[in-house]
């Protein structure tokens, strides 16, 4: 276990898994779902070990306000999370010397990773999105009972300083305002790194239709893999597809 610093100075706790021998030519940053931590309920350690066996280093880290990292849930913003992805990419590149760095994001971080890849299109080798949330405004504003017609309709935010979004997930005012503008689905056509999307057809939190629509805007050599069920119930299959994608040699 170790840590690195965010651009604004927070300590972000992370775990770097390196191949058993030799310097890796490739590395990948694993970004977890909102409300979880760097282990992503066991998926990320499994992925890191399988990648290391193929000569790929993997950095998984706790988002700010999650796990053992600094920060609080209600103070974080979407742009801070995007800057943390940048810090993680720079850290794994510096620590491993890998020339080719990829990015993987699950659910909330899938949307972040897509937006990051679109805005920094030449930085990443490959991109993986697992059940990605691609409509932050839809998820956090339009479907939130504390909002109506795109405007806050509840005194709760002023009273406690945040709105809850599921167990252990709190959004403050700055995060919610940014959800109007950080729109991953709007920038999908600008993503250049080869992209793999894996999505379960029976996921009731993030419908597979969102990934199908996004995939239509990607390049011809990008791939959408649909799983009968949800990704969390098919970890071995997901891990195999991810390792194949990350280690593919053109």
Protein backbone atom coordinates (compact mmCIF):
# COMPACT_ATOMS: atom_id res chain seq x y z
CA UNK A 1 0.00 0.00 0.00
CA UNK A 2 1.11 3.57 -0.64
CA UNK A 3 -0.20 6.97 -1.60
CA UNK A 4 0.28 9.90 -3.93
CA UNK A 5 -0.79 13.53 -3.91
CA UNK A 6 -3.69 15.06 -5.79
CA UNK A 7 -3.08 18.26 -7.75
CA UNK A 8 -4.54 20.24 -4.81
CA UNK A 9 -2.45 18.42 -2.21
CA UNK A 10 -4.70 15.70 -0.79
CA UNK A 11 -3.26 12.30 0.07
CA UNK A 12 -4.85 9.63 -2.12
CA UNK A 13 -4.36 6.10 -0.82
CA UNK A 14 -3.46 3.55 -3.46
CA UNK A 15 -2.09 0.11 -4.19
CA UNK A 16 0.35 -0.51 -7.04
CA UNK A 17 0.58 -4.09 -8.30
CA UNK A 18 3.61 -4.72 -10.49
CA UNK A 19 4.62 -7.73 -12.60
CA UNK A 20 6.78 -10.27 -10.74
CA UNK A 21 9.81 -9.55 -12.90
CA UNK A 22 11.03 -6.92 -15.33
CA UNK A 23 9.90 -3.36 -15.90
CA UNK A 24 6.36 -3.12 -17.29
CA UNK A 25 5.90 -1.51 -20.69
CA UNK A 26 2.25 -0.99 -19.89
CA UNK A 27 0.28 0.17 -16.88
CA UNK A 28 -3.37 0.82 -16.10
CA UNK A 29 -5.19 3.01 -13.58
CA UNK A 30 -8.28 1.38 -12.04
CA UNK A 31 -10.93 3.88 -10.87
CA UNK A 32 -13.69 2.51 -8.62
CA UNK A 33 -17.43 3.11 -8.34
CA UNK A 34 -18.82 5.89 -6.21
CA UNK A 35 -19.37 4.78 -2.62
CA UNK A 36 -16.87 1.91 -2.79
CA UNK A 37 -13.07 1.85 -2.47
CA UNK A 38 -10.01 0.76 -4.44
CA UNK A 39 -10.93 -2.93 -4.22
CA UNK A 40 -14.26 -2.49 -6.07
CA UNK A 41 -15.76 -5.36 -4.02
CA UNK A 42 -12.88 -7.65 -4.99
CA UNK A 43 -12.84 -7.03 -8.75
CA UNK A 44 -9.80 -4.75 -8.79
CA UNK A 45 -7.42 -7.04 -6.84
CA UNK A 46 -8.45 -9.85 -9.21
CA UNK A 47 -7.82 -7.62 -12.22
CA UNK A 48 -4.50 -6.36 -10.88
CA UNK A 49 -3.18 -9.90 -10.34
CA UNK A 50 -4.26 -11.05 -13.81
CA UNK A 51 -2.71 -7.97 -15.42
CA UNK A 52 0.55 -8.42 -13.48
CA UNK A 53 0.75 -11.99 -14.76
CA UNK A 54 0.70 -10.52 -18.28
CA UNK A 55 3.39 -7.96 -17.51
CA UNK A 56 1.08 -4.98 -16.88
CA UNK A 57 1.28 -2.82 -13.73
CA UNK A 58 -1.99 -1.66 -12.14
CA UNK A 59 -2.67 1.23 -9.79
CA UNK A 60 -5.94 1.20 -7.88
CA UNK A 61 -6.68 4.08 -5.51
CA UNK A 62 -9.38 5.40 -3.20
CA UNK A 63 -11.18 8.42 -4.57
CA UNK A 64 -11.10 11.53 -2.40
CA UNK A 65 -13.68 11.19 0.36
CA UNK A 66 -13.59 7.40 0.00
CA UNK A 67 -11.69 4.63 1.76
CA UNK A 68 -8.40 5.82 3.27
CA UNK A 69 -7.95 8.90 1.09
CA UNK A 70 -8.20 12.46 2.34
CA UNK A 71 -11.23 14.64 1.68
CA UNK A 72 -14.92 14.43 2.43
CA UNK A 73 -17.82 13.23 0.31
CA UNK A 74 -19.78 16.45 0.47
CA UNK A 75 -16.86 18.73 -0.47
CA UNK A 76 -15.64 16.91 -3.57
CA UNK A 77 -16.40 17.99 -7.13
CA UNK A 78 -16.41 16.32 -10.52
CA UNK A 79 -13.48 18.40 -11.74
CA UNK A 80 -11.49 17.41 -8.66
CA UNK A 81 -12.14 13.77 -9.52
CA UNK A 82 -10.96 14.40 -13.08
CA UNK A 83 -7.79 16.02 -11.76
CA UNK A 84 -7.28 13.00 -9.49
CA UNK A 85 -7.36 10.75 -12.56
CA UNK A 86 -4.64 12.91 -14.06
CA UNK A 87 -2.57 12.62 -10.86
CA UNK A 88 -3.03 8.83 -10.85
CA UNK A 89 -1.96 8.50 -14.50
CA UNK A 90 1.11 10.65 -13.88
CA UNK A 91 1.94 8.72 -10.70
CA UNK A 92 1.78 5.26 -12.26
CA UNK A 93 3.81 6.42 -15.22
CA UNK A 94 6.51 7.86 -12.94
CA UNK A 95 6.56 4.84 -10.60
CA UNK A 96 6.70 2.15 -13.26
CA UNK A 97 8.33 3.84 -16.24
CA UNK A 98 5.56 2.40 -18.42
CA UNK A 99 5.32 4.12 -21.77
CA UNK A 100 1.72 3.09 -22.40
CA UNK A 101 -0.86 3.86 -19.70
CA UNK A 102 -4.53 2.87 -19.93
CA UNK A 103 -7.53 3.89 -17.83
CA UNK A 104 -10.41 1.77 -16.53
CA UNK A 105 -13.47 3.16 -14.78
CA UNK A 106 -16.54 1.47 -13.31
CA UNK A 107 -20.00 3.05 -13.10
CA UNK A 108 -19.46 6.64 -11.82
CA UNK A 109 -15.78 6.45 -12.71
CA UNK A 110 -16.70 5.05 -16.12
CA UNK A 111 -18.33 8.37 -16.92
CA UNK A 112 -15.36 10.24 -15.50
CA UNK A 113 -12.91 8.10 -17.50
CA UNK A 114 -14.85 8.69 -20.73
CA UNK A 115 -14.87 12.46 -20.16
CA UNK A 116 -11.17 12.42 -19.25
CA UNK A 117 -10.26 10.46 -22.38
CA UNK A 118 -12.21 12.88 -24.57
CA UNK A 119 -10.51 15.92 -23.07
CA UNK A 120 -6.98 14.42 -23.05
CA UNK A 121 -7.22 12.24 -26.17
CA UNK A 122 -3.51 11.58 -26.76
CA UNK A 123 -2.56 10.69 -23.18
CA UNK A 124 -4.04 7.20 -22.86
CA UNK A 125 -3.18 3.96 -24.61
CA UNK A 126 -6.53 2.23 -24.15
CA UNK A 127 -9.81 2.87 -22.33
CA UNK A 128 -12.15 0.46 -20.51
CA UNK A 129 -15.60 1.41 -19.22
CA UNK A 130 -17.51 -1.06 -17.03
CA UNK A 131 -21.25 -0.26 -16.74
CA UNK A 132 -20.44 3.43 -17.19
CA UNK A 133 -22.69 6.22 -15.90
CA UNK A 134 -22.73 8.59 -18.86
CA UNK A 135 -25.42 11.06 -17.79
CA UNK A 136 -24.53 12.69 -14.47
CA UNK A 137 -27.28 15.28 -14.80
CA UNK A 138 -29.85 12.57 -15.42
CA UNK A 139 -28.64 10.49 -12.49
CA UNK A 140 -28.04 13.21 -9.91
CA UNK A 141 -30.48 15.98 -10.90
CA UNK A 142 -33.32 14.77 -13.13
CA UNK A 143 -33.99 11.59 -11.11
CA UNK A 144 -33.44 13.17 -7.70
CA UNK A 145 -36.68 13.99 -5.82
CA UNK A 146 -35.00 17.05 -4.30
CA UNK A 147 -34.95 18.68 -7.77
CA UNK A 148 -37.82 19.69 -10.04
CA UNK A 149 -37.49 21.06 -13.55
CA UNK A 150 -33.74 21.38 -13.19
CA UNK A 151 -33.96 23.55 -10.06
CA UNK A 152 -33.51 22.70 -6.42
CA UNK A 153 -36.93 22.11 -4.83
CA UNK A 154 -35.93 21.10 -1.30
CA UNK A 155 -34.41 22.91 1.70
CA UNK A 156 -32.35 19.81 2.57
CA UNK A 157 -29.18 20.92 0.76
CA UNK A 158 -29.13 24.21 2.67
CA UNK A 159 -29.95 22.50 5.96
CA UNK A 160 -27.31 19.73 5.96
CA UNK A 161 -24.91 20.80 3.19
CA UNK A 162 -25.37 17.78 0.93
CA UNK A 163 -27.86 15.44 -0.70
CA UNK A 164 -27.57 11.67 -0.32
CA UNK A 165 -27.36 9.46 -3.39
CA UNK A 166 -27.51 5.91 -2.14
CA UNK A 167 -25.76 4.43 0.90
CA UNK A 168 -22.58 6.28 1.84
CA UNK A 169 -22.70 8.70 -1.10
CA UNK A 170 -23.12 12.43 -0.46
CA UNK A 171 -23.10 15.25 -2.99
CA UNK A 172 -22.47 18.86 -2.09
CA UNK A 173 -23.54 22.02 -3.90
CA UNK A 174 -20.45 22.30 -6.14
CA UNK A 175 -20.68 18.66 -7.29
CA UNK A 176 -24.37 19.05 -8.17
CA UNK A 177 -23.77 22.27 -10.11
CA UNK A 178 -21.03 20.62 -12.14
CA UNK A 179 -23.34 17.74 -13.06
CA UNK A 180 -25.12 20.17 -15.41
CA UNK A 181 -21.91 20.68 -17.41
CA UNK A 182 -19.73 17.56 -17.13
CA UNK A 183 -21.63 15.46 -19.66
CA UNK A 184 -19.74 12.28 -20.67
CA UNK A 185 -22.33 11.23 -23.25
CA UNK A 186 -21.89 14.54 -25.10
CA UNK A 187 -18.16 14.05 -25.75
CA UNK A 188 -18.05 10.38 -26.72
CA UNK A 189 -17.29 11.21 -30.31
CA UNK A 190 -14.05 12.90 -29.23
CA UNK A 191 -12.55 9.78 -27.59
CA UNK A 192 -9.47 8.58 -29.49
CA UNK A 193 -8.00 5.68 -27.44
CA UNK A 194 -9.35 2.23 -28.40
CA UNK A 195 -12.34 1.72 -26.11
CA UNK A 196 -13.94 -1.35 -24.58
CA UNK A 197 -17.36 -1.04 -22.91
CA UNK A 198 -18.70 -3.94 -20.83
CA UNK A 199 -22.31 -3.66 -19.68
CA UNK A 200 -24.84 -6.06 -18.18
CA UNK A 201 -28.17 -6.29 -19.99
CA UNK A 202 -30.06 -6.67 -16.72
CA UNK A 203 -28.47 -3.82 -14.78
CA UNK A 204 -31.32 -1.84 -13.20
CA UNK A 205 -29.18 1.12 -12.07
CA UNK A 206 -27.46 1.94 -15.36
CA UNK A 207 -29.51 0.69 -18.33
CA UNK A 208 -27.53 -0.97 -21.10
CA UNK A 209 -29.24 1.32 -23.62
CA UNK A 210 -26.95 4.15 -22.53
CA UNK A 211 -23.86 2.16 -23.51
CA UNK A 212 -25.48 1.06 -26.78
CA UNK A 213 -26.14 4.69 -27.69
CA UNK A 214 -22.60 5.67 -26.73
CA UNK A 215 -21.07 2.81 -28.71
CA UNK A 216 -22.72 4.10 -31.88
CA UNK A 217 -20.58 7.23 -31.56
CA UNK A 218 -17.29 5.38 -31.11
CA UNK A 219 -14.87 4.27 -33.81
CA UNK A 220 -15.32 1.07 -35.82
CA UNK A 221 -12.59 -0.81 -33.94
CA UNK A 222 -14.08 -0.09 -30.51
CA UNK A 223 -16.11 -2.80 -28.79
CA UNK A 224 -19.26 -3.09 -26.69
CA UNK A 225 -19.55 -6.42 -24.84
CA UNK A 226 -22.97 -7.15 -23.39
CA UNK A 227 -23.31 -9.59 -20.49
CA UNK A 228 -26.51 -11.46 -19.73
CA UNK A 229 -26.95 -10.19 -16.18
CA UNK A 230 -24.73 -7.67 -14.41
CA UNK A 231 -20.98 -7.26 -14.40
CA UNK A 232 -20.66 -7.84 -10.67
CA UNK A 233 -21.97 -11.41 -11.06
CA UNK A 234 -19.55 -12.22 -13.89
CA UNK A 235 -16.20 -11.02 -12.54
CA UNK A 236 -14.05 -13.73 -14.13
CA UNK A 237 -15.53 -13.08 -17.57
CA UNK A 238 -15.12 -9.32 -17.13
CA UNK A 239 -11.52 -9.73 -16.00
CA UNK A 240 -10.68 -11.91 -19.01
CA UNK A 241 -12.13 -9.38 -21.47
CA UNK A 242 -10.31 -6.48 -19.76
CA UNK A 243 -6.93 -8.24 -19.75
CA UNK A 244 -7.34 -9.16 -23.42
CA UNK A 245 -8.13 -5.54 -24.28
CA UNK A 246 -5.35 -3.94 -22.23
CA UNK A 247 -2.66 -6.35 -23.47
CA UNK A 248 -3.71 -6.40 -27.14
CA UNK A 249 -0.77 -5.59 -29.43
CA UNK A 250 -1.53 -3.74 -32.63
